C-alpha atoms as a PDB file:
ATOM      1  CA  MET A   1       7.811  34.047 -20.286  1.00  0.00           C
ATOM      2  CA  LYS A   2       7.973  32.116 -17.009  1.00  0.00           C
ATOM      3  CA  PHE A   3       9.770  28.801 -16.611  1.00  0.00           C
ATOM      4  CA  LYS A   4       9.324  26.307 -13.811  1.00  0.00           C
ATOM      5  CA  SER A   5      12.734  25.784 -12.284  1.00  0.00           C
ATOM      6  CA  ASP A   6      12.007  23.394  -9.426  1.00  0.00           C
ATOM      7  CA  TYR A   7      11.371  19.662  -9.350  1.00  0.00           C
ATOM      8  CA  THR A   8       8.036  18.356 -10.592  1.00  0.00           C
ATOM      9  CA  THR A   9       6.636  14.877 -10.286  1.00  0.00           C
ATOM     10  CA  ASN A  10       3.880  12.708 -11.649  1.00  0.00           C
ATOM     11  CA  SER A  11       3.592  11.003  -8.286  1.00  0.00           C
ATOM     12  CA  SER A  12       0.209  10.532  -6.771  1.00  0.00           C
ATOM     13  CA  SER A  13      -1.492   8.613  -4.024  1.00  0.00           C
ATOM     14  CA  THR A  14      -4.365   6.255  -4.333  1.00  0.00           C
ATOM     15  CA  CYS A  15      -7.184   6.006  -1.827  1.00  0.00           C
ATOM     16  CA  PHE A  16      -8.483   2.595  -0.834  1.00  0.00           C
ATOM     17  CA  THR A  17     -11.182   1.319   1.449  1.00  0.00           C
ATOM     18  CA  ILE A  18      -9.778  -1.434   3.638  1.00  0.00           C
ATOM     19  CA  THR A  19     -12.206  -3.454   5.724  1.00  0.00           C
ATOM     20  CA  ASN A  20     -11.198  -5.478   8.742  1.00  0.00           C
ATOM     21  CA  LYS A  21     -13.623  -8.403   8.574  1.00  0.00           C
ATOM     22  CA  SER A  22     -12.480  -9.913  11.870  1.00  0.00           C
ATOM     23  CA  SER A  23     -13.882  -9.347  15.351  1.00  0.00           C
ATOM     24  CA  LYS A  24     -10.496  -8.079  16.632  1.00  0.00           C
ATOM     25  CA  ASP A  25      -8.627  -4.862  15.934  1.00  0.00           C
ATOM     26  CA  LYS A  26      -5.880  -5.456  13.370  1.00  0.00           C
ATOM     27  CA  THR A  27      -2.829  -3.437  12.382  1.00  0.00           C
ATOM     28  CA  LEU A  28      -1.135  -2.685   9.102  1.00  0.00           C
ATOM     29  CA  VAL A  29       1.518  -5.214  10.164  1.00  0.00           C
ATOM     30  CA  ASP A  30      -1.268  -7.824  10.358  1.00  0.00           C
ATOM     31  CA  PHE A  31      -2.408  -6.822   6.859  1.00  0.00           C
ATOM     32  CA  VAL A  32       1.111  -7.165   5.419  1.00  0.00           C
ATOM     33  CA  ASN A  33       1.719 -10.474   7.229  1.00  0.00           C
ATOM     34  CA  GLU A  34      -1.553 -11.862   5.927  1.00  0.00           C
ATOM     35  CA  ASN A  35      -0.844 -10.774   2.332  1.00  0.00           C
ATOM     36  CA  PRO A  36       2.821 -11.525   1.520  1.00  0.00           C
ATOM     37  CA  LYS A  37       1.929 -12.128  -2.115  1.00  0.00           C
ATOM     38  CA  LEU A  38       1.320  -8.409  -2.690  1.00  0.00           C
ATOM     39  CA  VAL A  39       5.023  -7.529  -2.906  1.00  0.00           C
ATOM     40  CA  GLU A  40       5.665 -10.535  -5.155  1.00  0.00           C
ATOM     41  CA  ASP A  41       2.776  -9.526  -7.415  1.00  0.00           C
ATOM     42  CA  PHE A  42       4.277  -6.036  -7.622  1.00  0.00           C
ATOM     43  CA  LYS A  43       7.704  -7.359  -8.594  1.00  0.00           C
ATOM     44  CA  SER A  44       6.152  -9.696 -11.140  1.00  0.00           C
ATOM     45  CA  GLU A  45       3.994  -7.006 -12.734  1.00  0.00           C
ATOM     46  CA  TYR A  46       6.730  -4.355 -12.666  1.00  0.00           C
ATOM     47  CA  ASN A  47       9.668  -6.668 -13.317  1.00  0.00           C
ATOM     48  CA  TRP A  48      12.248  -3.873 -13.411  1.00  0.00           C
ATOM     49  CA  TYR A  49      11.937  -4.004  -9.569  1.00  0.00           C
ATOM     50  CA  LYS A  50      12.467  -7.771  -9.335  1.00  0.00           C
ATOM     51  CA  ASP A  51      16.106  -7.459  -8.195  1.00  0.00           C
ATOM     52  CA  ASP A  52      15.616  -4.298  -6.135  1.00  0.00           C
ATOM     53  CA  GLU A  53      16.332  -5.259  -2.526  1.00  0.00           C
ATOM     54  CA  ARG A  54      13.979  -2.564  -1.231  1.00  0.00           C
ATOM     55  CA  PHE A  55      11.001  -4.638  -2.391  1.00  0.00           C
ATOM     56  CA  THR A  56      10.881  -7.532   0.060  1.00  0.00           C
ATOM     57  CA  GLN A  57       8.334  -8.784   2.569  1.00  0.00           C
ATOM     58  CA  GLU A  58      10.741  -7.844   5.360  1.00  0.00           C
ATOM     59  CA  GLN A  59      10.938  -4.260   4.123  1.00  0.00           C
ATOM     60  CA  MET A  60       7.145  -4.126   3.822  1.00  0.00           C
ATOM     61  CA  LEU A  61       6.869  -5.193   7.477  1.00  0.00           C
ATOM     62  CA  ILE A  62       9.329  -2.517   8.581  1.00  0.00           C
ATOM     63  CA  CYS A  63       7.311   0.138   6.744  1.00  0.00           C
ATOM     64  CA  ALA A  64       4.021  -1.171   8.165  1.00  0.00           C
ATOM     65  CA  ASN A  65       5.440  -1.117  11.684  1.00  0.00           C
ATOM     66  CA  ASN A  66       6.641   2.472  11.213  1.00  0.00           C
ATOM     67  CA  ARG A  67       3.140   3.588  10.180  1.00  0.00           C
ATOM     68  CA  GLN A  68       1.407   2.094  13.250  1.00  0.00           C
ATOM     69  CA  GLN A  69      -1.962   2.057  11.481  1.00  0.00           C
ATOM     70  CA  VAL A  70      -4.895   0.290  13.162  1.00  0.00           C
ATOM     71  CA  PHE A  71      -7.968  -1.179  11.466  1.00  0.00           C
ATOM     72  CA  PRO A  72     -10.761  -1.441  14.053  1.00  0.00           C
ATOM     73  CA  ALA A  73     -12.742  -4.679  14.236  1.00  0.00           C
ATOM     74  CA  LYS A  74     -15.630  -5.095  11.783  1.00  0.00           C
ATOM     75  CA  SER A  75     -15.103  -1.686  10.182  1.00  0.00           C
ATOM     76  CA  SER A  76     -13.792   0.024   7.074  1.00  0.00           C
ATOM     77  CA  LEU A  77     -11.215   2.788   6.746  1.00  0.00           C
ATOM     78  CA  ASN A  78     -10.327   4.978   3.803  1.00  0.00           C
ATOM     79  CA  VAL A  79      -6.541   5.063   3.546  1.00  0.00           C
ATOM     80  CA  GLY A  80      -4.111   6.517   1.054  1.00  0.00           C
ATOM     81  CA  TYR A  81      -0.877   5.010  -0.209  1.00  0.00           C
ATOM     82  CA  GLY A  82       1.422   6.413  -2.833  1.00  0.00           C
ATOM     83  CA  ASP A  83       4.830   6.081  -4.407  1.00  0.00           C
ATOM     84  CA  ASP A  84       5.449   9.605  -3.120  1.00  0.00           C
ATOM     85  CA  ASP A  85       5.233   8.284   0.471  1.00  0.00           C
ATOM     86  CA  GLY A  86       8.922   7.480   0.132  1.00  0.00           C
ATOM     87  CA  ASP A  87       8.729   3.916   1.349  1.00  0.00           C
ATOM     88  CA  THR A  88       8.310   0.442  -0.084  1.00  0.00           C
ATOM     89  CA  LEU A  89       4.824  -0.064   1.278  1.00  0.00           C
ATOM     90  CA  GLY A  90       3.450   3.119  -0.281  1.00  0.00           C
ATOM     91  CA  HIS A  91       4.974   2.248  -3.626  1.00  0.00           C
ATOM     92  CA  VAL A  92       3.689  -1.342  -3.689  1.00  0.00           C
ATOM     93  CA  PHE A  93       0.205  -0.618  -2.329  1.00  0.00           C
ATOM     94  CA  ASP A  94      -0.311   2.370  -4.644  1.00  0.00           C
ATOM     95  CA  TYR A  95      -0.264   0.000  -7.618  1.00  0.00           C
ATOM     96  CA  ILE A  96      -1.136  -3.490  -6.386  1.00  0.00           C
ATOM     97  CA  LEU A  97      -4.197  -2.766  -4.232  1.00  0.00           C
ATOM     98  CA  ARG A  98      -5.976  -1.050  -7.145  1.00  0.00           C
ATOM     99  CA  ASP A  99      -7.514  -4.290  -8.406  1.00  0.00           C
ATOM    100  CA  GLY A 100      -9.117  -4.970  -5.045  1.00  0.00           C
ATOM    101  CA  GLY A 101      -8.978  -8.231  -3.198  1.00  0.00           C
ATOM    102  CA  GLN A 102      -9.440  -9.997   0.057  1.00  0.00           C
ATOM    103  CA  SER A 103      -7.761 -12.297   2.512  1.00  0.00           C
ATOM    104  CA  LYS A 104      -8.890 -14.061   5.684  1.00  0.00           C
ATOM    105  CA  SER A 105      -9.277 -10.890   7.783  1.00  0.00           C
ATOM    106  CA  PHE A 106      -9.284  -8.082   5.205  1.00  0.00           C
ATOM    107  CA  LYS A 107     -11.058  -6.849   2.114  1.00  0.00           C
ATOM    108  CA  TRP A 108      -9.822  -3.886   0.046  1.00  0.00           C
ATOM    109  CA  LYS A 109     -11.011  -1.916  -2.937  1.00  0.00           C
ATOM    110  CA  PHE A 110      -9.969   1.100  -4.955  1.00  0.00           C
ATOM    111  CA  LYS A 111     -11.656   4.352  -3.986  1.00  0.00           C
ATOM    112  CA  GLU A 112     -10.019   7.236  -5.890  1.00  0.00           C
ATOM    113  CA  TYR A 113      -6.788   8.807  -7.124  1.00  0.00           C
ATOM    114  CA  TRP A 114      -5.292  11.731  -5.238  1.00  0.00           C
ATOM    115  CA  ARG A 115      -3.067  14.166  -7.116  1.00  0.00           C
END
C-alpha cells in the first residue's frame, strides 16, 4: 500500500474576466484603488480574518503593485487569482470577485475554477 507523505492542499485559483471600460490603459493598482470595498467585503464575509492585519487596503495595494498587471483600454483580460498565490490580493480576489461586479472603470465576472 502506498501513502502520500508530502503536503497536499485544497487550494485553487479562480479565473475571472476583467474588462477595462475606460479609454485609458489601467493597472491592477487602479483596480484596487477603485474598489477598496472588496477587502472589507472579504473580511465581513469571512469574519475570522477581520482582525488579521494582512487584510488591509494598503496590503492589497502593495500586492497589486508587485504584480504590475495592465488592463488595456476598452478590452477584457482573463486573469487568475487564488489563495495559493501566497499574497493578500490572491486570497481576497479568489473569493470576492466570484459574484461579479463593476465600478467606474472596470467590470468583472467569474469564468472558471482552476485546480
